[in-house]
Protein backbone atom coordinates (compact mmCIF):
# COMPACT_ATOMS: atom_id res chain seq x y z
CA GLY A 1 -42.08 207.70 181.45
CA LYS A 2 -39.73 208.68 184.05
CA LYS A 3 -36.50 210.45 183.20
CA ILE A 4 -33.38 209.62 185.24
CA ASN A 5 -30.51 212.15 185.38
CA PRO A 6 -27.26 211.04 187.06
CA TYR A 7 -24.74 213.75 187.95
CA ILE A 8 -21.32 214.30 189.50
CA SER A 9 -19.68 217.56 190.59
CA GLY A 10 -16.63 218.83 192.40
CA GLU A 11 -15.44 222.04 194.01
CA LEU A 12 -12.02 223.22 195.15
CA LEU A 13 -11.59 226.17 197.53
CA TYR A 14 -8.49 228.27 196.96
CA LEU A 15 -7.28 230.72 199.64
CA TYR A 16 -6.08 233.80 197.81
CA SER A 17 -4.03 235.37 200.62
CA THR A 18 -2.04 232.24 201.59
CA ASP A 19 1.43 231.45 200.22
CA ASN A 20 1.74 227.94 201.69
CA ASP A 21 -0.81 225.28 200.68
CA PRO A 22 -3.44 227.65 199.23
CA PHE A 23 -5.93 224.81 198.59
CA ASP A 24 -7.92 224.53 201.78
CA GLU A 25 -11.10 222.60 201.03
CA TYR A 26 -12.71 220.37 198.44
CA ARG A 27 -16.12 218.79 197.88
CA VAL A 28 -17.20 215.95 195.66
CA SER A 29 -20.83 215.04 195.13
CA PHE A 30 -22.78 212.64 193.01
CA GLY A 31 -26.37 211.59 192.79
CA ILE A 32 -29.37 210.75 190.73
CA GLU A 33 -32.47 212.81 189.97
CA VAL A 34 -35.69 211.10 188.89
CA ASP A 35 -38.48 213.09 187.25
CA LEU A 36 -41.95 212.16 188.48
CA PRO A 37 -45.36 213.03 187.03
CA LYS A 38 -46.90 216.50 187.48
CA LYS A 39 -43.60 218.45 187.67
CA ASN A 40 -42.33 216.57 190.73
CA SER A 41 -38.93 214.95 191.18
CA ILE A 42 -36.78 213.19 193.75
CA ASN A 43 -33.04 213.46 194.20
CA LEU A 44 -30.75 211.01 196.02
CA PHE A 45 -27.21 212.27 196.62
CA TYR A 46 -23.92 211.83 198.45
CA ILE A 47 -21.46 214.62 199.33
CA PHE A 48 -17.91 214.21 200.64
CA LYS A 49 -16.25 217.36 202.00
CA LYS A 50 -12.72 217.74 203.34
CA GLU A 51 -11.82 221.01 205.15
CA SER A 52 -8.48 222.42 206.34
CA ILE A 53 -6.42 220.16 204.09
CA ALA A 54 -3.12 221.70 205.24
CA ASP A 55 -3.78 220.79 208.91
CA LEU A 56 -2.43 217.59 210.43
CA ASP A 57 -5.98 216.46 211.24
CA PRO A 58 -8.31 217.75 208.46
CA ASN A 59 -12.09 217.65 208.94
CA GLU A 60 -14.01 215.16 206.81
CA ILE A 61 -17.77 215.36 206.36
CA ASN A 62 -20.01 212.74 204.70
CA ILE A 63 -23.60 213.60 203.76
CA ILE A 64 -26.22 211.27 202.33
CA GLY A 65 -29.43 212.98 201.35
CA PHE A 66 -32.88 212.70 199.84
CA ARG A 67 -34.70 215.66 198.33
CA TYR A 68 -38.28 215.93 197.06
CA ILE A 69 -38.97 218.78 194.63
CA SER A 70 -42.43 219.99 193.61
CA LYS A 71 -42.76 222.79 191.04
CA ILE A 72 -45.87 224.95 190.96
């Protein structure tokens, strides 16, 4: 059979040269990867990204994706 690999990850962007509110951006993602026969796989994922956290109106980005991977 098929092998299913769930995953979750997070990133935090730190601005080195800023004294006030040095954390400027973060990303959280989770998804599932399914191995298919003959070294192929599919990946379904969701990413949430928030930029310019210190601003009054920070940018929020939502991404839903599908990826097909074929290894030679």
